[in-house]
């Protein structure tokens, strides 16, 4: 019998604190109706005092473990799929995650593809489960608070004013007859790899007091015109392409897709993408009360869809994301 990998459970943690459209408007001098209607942000969660990046992933992981009703000691592998902006620089968050959830018999590693990391982690986890006879259960955890890195006085990063905070987790298990993970696809464009960076703090530019004063420890767009032109050329084609490739490689057509979990983007782009895929707004959820929580958007969208009855047993679900750098990826799941 062909071995399969399914999603045993998911977990979400959202901080209690929020920044709403009015506050963003005040910080940016952009009219509130533009923030709400064009940027698509009614509000977004922001971290509280203890909502550190890995800490939020730990909370989501514990929720997923409780929902799955498993013993953490039965987890064989822990993968950190969260943001690189975390409690400490040069730090392996997966090992902390493994320890805090009590996965004593697991080993752990971190993986990174910016906001596409959760999808790639699920593909890697599936491949590792199928290629290792002694591996049965994988937990993937993620946290994100890159909103810390946004300077609201820098209009070049306005497309990232939606960055929020939160954590998610997923538990994948071999040979369970539910929520089967099918095929994942990805595309990358290295010409954009240095378009958006934190300028100081790496080996190219030491973080000095002067550079700290100049906010060079925040995200910035180094190639704004090139990035805009290049994304206009390739972004929608890559978004649509990875979705169609993932669905086709999974043995289905776009007519079979019931729900698509899309990262938060401006509302017009969200609508245009659905149109290009031949899908309706009823087949997705626009995350205007969450903003963009990085690689966590897809699991948040899925849990909201399950609560609202938009995803039912037997449905074909597609995750799609994009990460600055630039990378686009998609994953197809047969739910139920």
Protein backbone atom coordinates (compact mmCIF):
# COMPACT_ATOMS: atom_id res chain seq x y z
CA UNK A 1 0.00 0.00 0.00
CA UNK A 2 1.30 3.44 -0.92
CA UNK A 3 2.26 5.41 2.16
CA UNK A 4 0.56 8.76 2.78
CA UNK A 5 1.11 11.73 5.05
CA UNK A 6 -1.74 13.70 6.58
CA UNK A 7 -2.25 16.68 8.85
CA UNK A 8 -3.20 15.34 12.28
CA UNK A 9 -3.92 18.78 13.74
CA UNK A 10 -3.08 22.47 13.57
CA UNK A 11 -2.73 25.18 16.20
CA UNK A 12 -2.95 28.97 16.11
CA UNK A 13 -1.87 31.61 18.62
CA UNK A 14 -2.92 35.25 18.12
CA UNK A 15 -1.83 37.96 20.61
CA UNK A 16 -4.50 39.92 22.46
CA UNK A 17 -3.11 43.31 21.38
CA UNK A 18 -4.14 44.95 18.11
CA UNK A 19 -3.25 47.95 15.99
CA UNK A 20 -6.24 49.20 14.02
CA UNK A 21 -6.54 51.15 10.78
CA UNK A 22 -6.93 54.44 12.64
CA UNK A 23 -3.63 54.00 14.45
CA UNK A 24 -1.82 53.00 11.25
CA UNK A 25 -3.26 56.08 9.55
CA UNK A 26 -1.98 58.27 12.36
CA UNK A 27 1.51 56.79 12.13
CA UNK A 28 1.75 57.09 8.35
CA UNK A 29 -0.36 60.14 7.43
CA UNK A 30 -2.27 57.89 5.02
CA UNK A 31 -6.08 58.36 5.15
CA UNK A 32 -7.79 55.67 7.20
CA UNK A 33 -10.17 54.73 4.39
CA UNK A 34 -7.11 54.00 2.20
CA UNK A 35 -5.62 51.79 4.94
CA UNK A 36 -8.91 49.90 5.25
CA UNK A 37 -10.00 49.68 1.63
CA UNK A 38 -6.79 49.70 -0.42
CA UNK A 39 -4.28 48.21 2.01
CA UNK A 40 -7.02 45.90 3.32
CA UNK A 41 -6.26 46.32 7.02
CA UNK A 42 -9.06 46.78 9.53
CA UNK A 43 -6.74 45.71 12.32
CA UNK A 44 -3.75 43.49 12.89
CA UNK A 45 -2.43 41.69 15.99
CA UNK A 46 0.76 43.04 17.55
CA UNK A 47 2.91 41.31 20.15
CA UNK A 48 2.48 41.72 23.87
CA UNK A 49 5.33 41.79 26.35
CA UNK A 50 5.81 38.00 26.33
CA UNK A 51 4.87 37.36 22.70
CA UNK A 52 8.33 36.58 21.42
CA UNK A 53 8.71 34.79 18.10
CA UNK A 54 9.51 31.26 19.25
CA UNK A 55 7.30 31.70 22.34
CA UNK A 56 4.28 32.21 20.08
CA UNK A 57 5.23 29.11 18.09
CA UNK A 58 5.43 27.14 21.33
CA UNK A 59 1.92 28.22 22.30
CA UNK A 60 0.56 27.21 18.89
CA UNK A 61 2.41 23.89 19.08
CA UNK A 62 0.94 23.08 22.49
CA UNK A 63 -2.53 23.80 21.09
CA UNK A 64 -1.89 21.45 18.16
CA UNK A 65 -0.64 18.72 20.52
CA UNK A 66 -3.73 19.05 22.70
CA UNK A 67 -6.05 18.93 19.68
CA UNK A 68 -4.25 15.85 18.33
CA UNK A 69 -4.39 14.18 21.76
CA UNK A 70 -0.87 12.79 21.42
CA UNK A 71 2.02 12.37 23.80
CA UNK A 72 4.80 14.85 22.88
CA UNK A 73 7.30 12.05 23.43
CA UNK A 74 5.85 10.35 20.34
CA UNK A 75 7.02 13.22 18.11
CA UNK A 76 10.03 12.16 16.04
CA UNK A 77 11.05 15.47 14.49
CA UNK A 78 10.49 19.17 15.22
CA UNK A 79 10.90 21.75 12.44
CA UNK A 80 11.02 25.49 13.07
CA UNK A 81 9.34 27.28 10.15
CA UNK A 82 9.04 30.69 11.76
CA UNK A 83 10.68 34.04 11.17
CA UNK A 84 14.40 34.70 11.40
CA UNK A 85 13.65 37.77 13.55
CA UNK A 86 13.35 36.00 16.88
CA UNK A 87 14.46 36.00 20.50
CA UNK A 88 18.18 36.00 19.68
CA UNK A 89 20.30 36.30 16.52
CA UNK A 90 22.20 33.19 15.43
CA UNK A 91 19.84 30.95 17.42
CA UNK A 92 18.24 27.61 16.60
CA UNK A 93 14.61 28.06 17.62
CA UNK A 94 13.54 24.48 16.81
CA UNK A 95 15.61 23.09 19.67
CA UNK A 96 13.97 25.47 22.14
CA UNK A 97 10.58 24.53 20.70
CA UNK A 98 11.38 20.82 21.02
CA UNK A 99 12.39 21.24 24.67
CA UNK A 100 9.41 23.37 25.70
CA UNK A 101 6.78 21.04 24.25
CA UNK A 102 8.40 17.96 25.82
CA UNK A 103 9.36 16.23 22.57
CA UNK A 104 12.18 14.36 24.35
CA UNK A 105 12.60 11.70 21.68
CA UNK A 106 12.70 14.06 18.71
CA UNK A 107 15.50 15.91 17.00
CA UNK A 108 15.07 19.36 15.52
CA UNK A 109 16.20 21.82 12.87
CA UNK A 110 15.25 25.23 11.45
CA UNK A 111 14.20 25.94 7.86
CA UNK A 112 13.82 29.31 6.13
CA UNK A 113 12.06 30.58 3.00
CA UNK A 114 10.66 33.79 4.46
CA UNK A 115 6.86 33.88 4.21
CA UNK A 116 6.81 30.65 2.19
CA UNK A 117 8.50 28.65 4.95
CA UNK A 118 5.46 26.82 6.35
CA UNK A 119 4.54 25.39 2.95
CA UNK A 120 8.11 24.29 2.29
CA UNK A 121 8.40 22.84 5.80
CA UNK A 122 5.29 20.74 5.18
CA UNK A 123 6.81 19.41 1.96
CA UNK A 124 10.12 18.65 3.67
CA UNK A 125 8.33 16.98 6.58
CA UNK A 126 6.29 14.80 4.23
CA UNK A 127 9.38 13.78 2.26
CA UNK A 128 11.28 12.94 5.44
CA UNK A 129 8.40 10.88 6.82
CA UNK A 130 8.16 8.86 3.61
CA UNK A 131 11.92 8.30 3.39
CA UNK A 132 12.52 7.30 7.02
CA UNK A 133 11.05 4.03 8.28
CA UNK A 134 11.67 4.98 11.91
CA UNK A 135 9.90 8.36 11.61
CA UNK A 136 6.15 8.62 12.15
CA UNK A 137 5.22 12.08 13.48
CA UNK A 138 6.57 15.58 12.74
CA UNK A 139 5.64 18.85 14.43
CA UNK A 140 6.19 22.10 12.57
CA UNK A 141 6.09 25.31 14.60
CA UNK A 142 6.21 28.94 13.54
CA UNK A 143 6.11 32.41 15.05
CA UNK A 144 6.26 35.83 13.44
CA UNK A 145 6.56 39.45 14.55
CA UNK A 146 8.43 41.13 11.70
CA UNK A 147 6.23 44.16 12.24
CA UNK A 148 8.95 45.14 14.74
CA UNK A 149 11.15 45.85 11.72
CA UNK A 150 8.81 48.34 10.05
CA UNK A 151 9.56 52.06 10.15
CA UNK A 152 6.23 53.79 9.55
CA UNK A 153 8.11 56.91 8.45
CA UNK A 154 9.58 55.04 5.47
CA UNK A 155 7.07 55.07 2.57
CA UNK A 156 9.19 52.55 0.63
CA UNK A 157 7.99 49.81 2.98
CA UNK A 158 4.30 50.79 2.88
CA UNK A 159 3.40 47.41 1.35
CA UNK A 160 4.58 45.88 4.62
CA UNK A 161 2.48 48.07 6.92
CA UNK A 162 0.22 45.00 7.19
CA UNK A 163 2.78 42.91 9.10
CA UNK A 164 1.25 41.47 12.26
CA UNK A 165 2.19 38.93 14.92
CA UNK A 166 1.20 35.38 15.80
CA UNK A 167 2.16 31.73 15.71
CA UNK A 168 0.94 28.52 14.12
CA UNK A 169 1.80 24.84 14.20
CA UNK A 170 0.95 21.67 12.31
CA UNK A 171 1.42 18.03 13.24
CA UNK A 172 1.99 15.68 10.31
CA UNK A 173 1.65 11.93 10.65
CA UNK A 174 2.40 9.03 8.35
CA UNK A 175 -0.35 6.66 7.20
CA UNK A 176 -3.37 8.43 8.63
CA UNK A 177 -6.47 8.48 6.47
CA UNK A 178 -7.24 12.19 6.76
CA UNK A 179 -6.13 15.59 5.48
CA UNK A 180 -3.70 14.13 2.98
CA UNK A 181 -0.81 16.33 1.89
CA UNK A 182 -0.43 16.07 -1.87
CA UNK A 183 2.07 17.94 -4.05
CA UNK A 184 3.93 21.19 -3.37
CA UNK A 185 5.53 23.42 -5.99
CA UNK A 186 7.79 26.46 -5.82
CA UNK A 187 9.39 29.11 -7.99
CA UNK A 188 12.18 31.52 -7.01
CA UNK A 189 13.62 34.66 -8.59
CA UNK A 190 17.10 35.51 -7.36
CA UNK A 191 17.19 38.81 -9.23
CA UNK A 192 15.08 40.14 -6.35
CA UNK A 193 17.14 38.60 -3.56
CA UNK A 194 18.55 41.91 -2.30
CA UNK A 195 15.55 44.11 -3.00
CA UNK A 196 14.22 44.05 0.57
CA UNK A 197 16.67 43.63 3.45
CA UNK A 198 17.57 44.86 6.90
CA UNK A 199 20.59 46.93 5.76
CA UNK A 200 22.73 46.76 8.92
CA UNK A 201 23.60 43.91 11.25
CA UNK A 202 25.03 41.43 8.76
CA UNK A 203 28.56 40.95 7.48
CA UNK A 204 28.20 43.62 4.79
CA UNK A 205 27.32 46.45 7.16
CA UNK A 206 28.04 46.37 10.87
CA UNK A 207 25.31 47.73 13.14
CA UNK A 208 26.88 50.86 14.61
CA UNK A 209 25.23 53.50 16.85
CA UNK A 210 25.00 55.82 13.85
CA UNK A 211 23.28 53.20 11.70
CA UNK A 212 20.97 52.36 14.58
CA UNK A 213 20.05 56.04 14.79
CA UNK A 214 19.32 55.97 11.05
CA UNK A 215 16.92 53.00 11.49
CA UNK A 216 19.15 50.74 9.39
CA UNK A 217 18.12 47.87 11.67
CA UNK A 218 14.63 48.04 10.09
CA UNK A 219 13.47 46.53 6.81
CA UNK A 220 14.12 48.71 3.79
CA UNK A 221 13.72 48.49 0.03
CA UNK A 222 17.09 48.92 -1.64
CA UNK A 223 15.85 48.58 -5.23
CA UNK A 224 12.32 50.04 -5.23
CA UNK A 225 11.96 50.77 -8.96
CA UNK A 226 13.56 47.51 -10.08
CA UNK A 227 11.47 45.51 -7.60
CA UNK A 228 8.25 47.14 -8.74
CA UNK A 229 9.02 46.57 -12.42
CA UNK A 230 10.20 42.99 -11.92
CA UNK A 231 7.23 41.99 -9.75
CA UNK A 232 4.84 43.49 -12.31
CA UNK A 233 6.48 41.19 -14.86
CA UNK A 234 6.56 37.95 -12.90
CA UNK A 235 4.57 37.98 -9.66
CA UNK A 236 1.03 37.14 -10.76
CA UNK A 237 2.27 34.57 -13.28
CA UNK A 238 4.29 32.87 -10.54
CA UNK A 239 1.42 33.03 -8.05
CA UNK A 240 -0.99 31.47 -10.53
CA UNK A 241 1.66 29.10 -11.85
CA UNK A 242 2.56 27.48 -8.54
CA UNK A 243 -1.12 26.98 -7.68
CA UNK A 244 -1.95 25.38 -11.03
CA UNK A 245 1.20 23.24 -10.95
CA UNK A 246 0.49 22.00 -7.42
CA UNK A 247 -3.11 21.11 -8.28
CA UNK A 248 -2.14 19.43 -11.55
CA UNK A 249 0.75 17.48 -9.98
CA UNK A 250 -1.72 16.29 -7.33
CA UNK A 251 -3.94 14.80 -10.04
CA UNK A 252 -6.67 17.45 -10.10
CA UNK A 253 -7.80 20.49 -12.08
CA UNK A 254 -8.66 23.99 -10.90
CA UNK A 255 -12.35 23.07 -11.20
CA UNK A 256 -11.76 20.63 -8.33
CA UNK A 257 -10.45 23.31 -5.93
CA UNK A 258 -12.89 24.13 -3.13
CA UNK A 259 -10.85 26.53 -1.01
CA UNK A 260 -7.63 28.50 -1.33
CA UNK A 261 -5.71 29.87 1.67
CA UNK A 262 -3.93 33.01 0.46
CA UNK A 263 -1.49 35.22 2.32
CA UNK A 264 -2.74 38.72 3.13
CA UNK A 265 -2.10 41.25 0.36
CA UNK A 266 -3.86 44.40 -0.76
CA UNK A 267 -7.52 43.74 -1.52
CA UNK A 268 -7.36 44.44 -5.27
CA UNK A 269 -4.48 41.98 -5.66
CA UNK A 270 -6.40 39.35 -3.69
CA UNK A 271 -9.43 39.75 -5.96
CA UNK A 272 -7.32 39.74 -9.14
CA UNK A 273 -5.55 36.56 -8.11
CA UNK A 274 -8.86 34.78 -7.48
CA UNK A 275 -10.09 35.90 -10.90
CA UNK A 276 -6.94 34.62 -12.58
CA UNK A 277 -7.43 31.25 -10.91
CA UNK A 278 -11.11 31.06 -11.79
CA UNK A 279 -12.13 31.09 -8.13
CA UNK A 280 -14.65 33.19 -6.19
CA UNK A 281 -14.38 35.21 -3.00
CA UNK A 282 -16.52 32.56 -1.30
CA UNK A 283 -13.66 30.11 -1.86
CA UNK A 284 -11.22 32.11 0.27
CA UNK A 285 -11.08 34.39 3.32
CA UNK A 286 -9.58 37.85 3.20
CA UNK A 287 -7.47 38.36 6.32
CA UNK A 288 -8.30 42.04 6.88
CA UNK A 289 -8.57 41.55 10.65
CA UNK A 290 -5.18 39.79 10.84
CA UNK A 291 -2.96 41.47 8.29
CA UNK A 292 0.03 39.49 7.09
CA UNK A 293 1.48 37.18 9.75
CA UNK A 294 4.14 35.80 7.45
CA UNK A 295 4.21 32.07 6.87
CA UNK A 296 1.32 31.62 9.29
CA UNK A 297 -1.39 33.07 7.04
CA UNK A 298 -2.36 29.78 5.40
CA UNK A 299 -3.00 27.87 8.63
CA UNK A 300 -4.89 30.86 10.08
CA UNK A 301 -7.00 30.97 6.90
CA UNK A 302 -7.64 27.22 7.07
CA UNK A 303 -8.78 27.32 10.70
CA UNK A 304 -11.09 30.26 9.96
CA UNK A 305 -12.50 28.39 6.96
CA UNK A 306 -13.17 25.30 9.08
CA UNK A 307 -14.97 27.44 11.67
CA UNK A 308 -17.09 29.09 8.98
CA UNK A 309 -17.88 25.83 7.18
CA UNK A 310 -16.02 26.86 4.04
CA UNK A 311 -13.88 23.71 4.23
CA UNK A 312 -15.63 20.37 4.60
CA UNK A 313 -14.54 16.73 4.43
CA UNK A 314 -13.64 15.78 0.88
CA UNK A 315 -12.70 19.33 -0.15
CA UNK A 316 -9.57 20.12 -2.12
CA UNK A 317 -7.64 22.88 -0.34
CA UNK A 318 -4.69 24.84 -1.70
CA UNK A 319 -2.18 26.85 0.33
CA UNK A 320 -0.36 29.61 -1.57
CA UNK A 321 2.24 32.08 -0.39
CA UNK A 322 5.12 34.28 -1.46
CA UNK A 323 8.26 35.30 0.37
CA UNK A 324 10.46 38.31 -0.20
CA UNK A 325 13.57 37.25 -1.97
CA UNK A 326 11.50 36.30 -4.04
CA UNK A 327 9.81 32.91 -3.73
CA UNK A 328 6.30 31.67 -4.58
CA UNK A 329 4.96 28.31 -3.45
CA UNK A 330 1.78 26.29 -3.18
CA UNK A 331 0.60 23.06 -1.57
CA UNK A 332 -2.50 20.99 -2.24
CA UNK A 333 -4.32 19.09 0.51
CA UNK A 334 -7.23 16.65 0.29
CA UNK A 335 -9.16 17.58 3.41
CA UNK A 336 -11.12 15.17 5.55
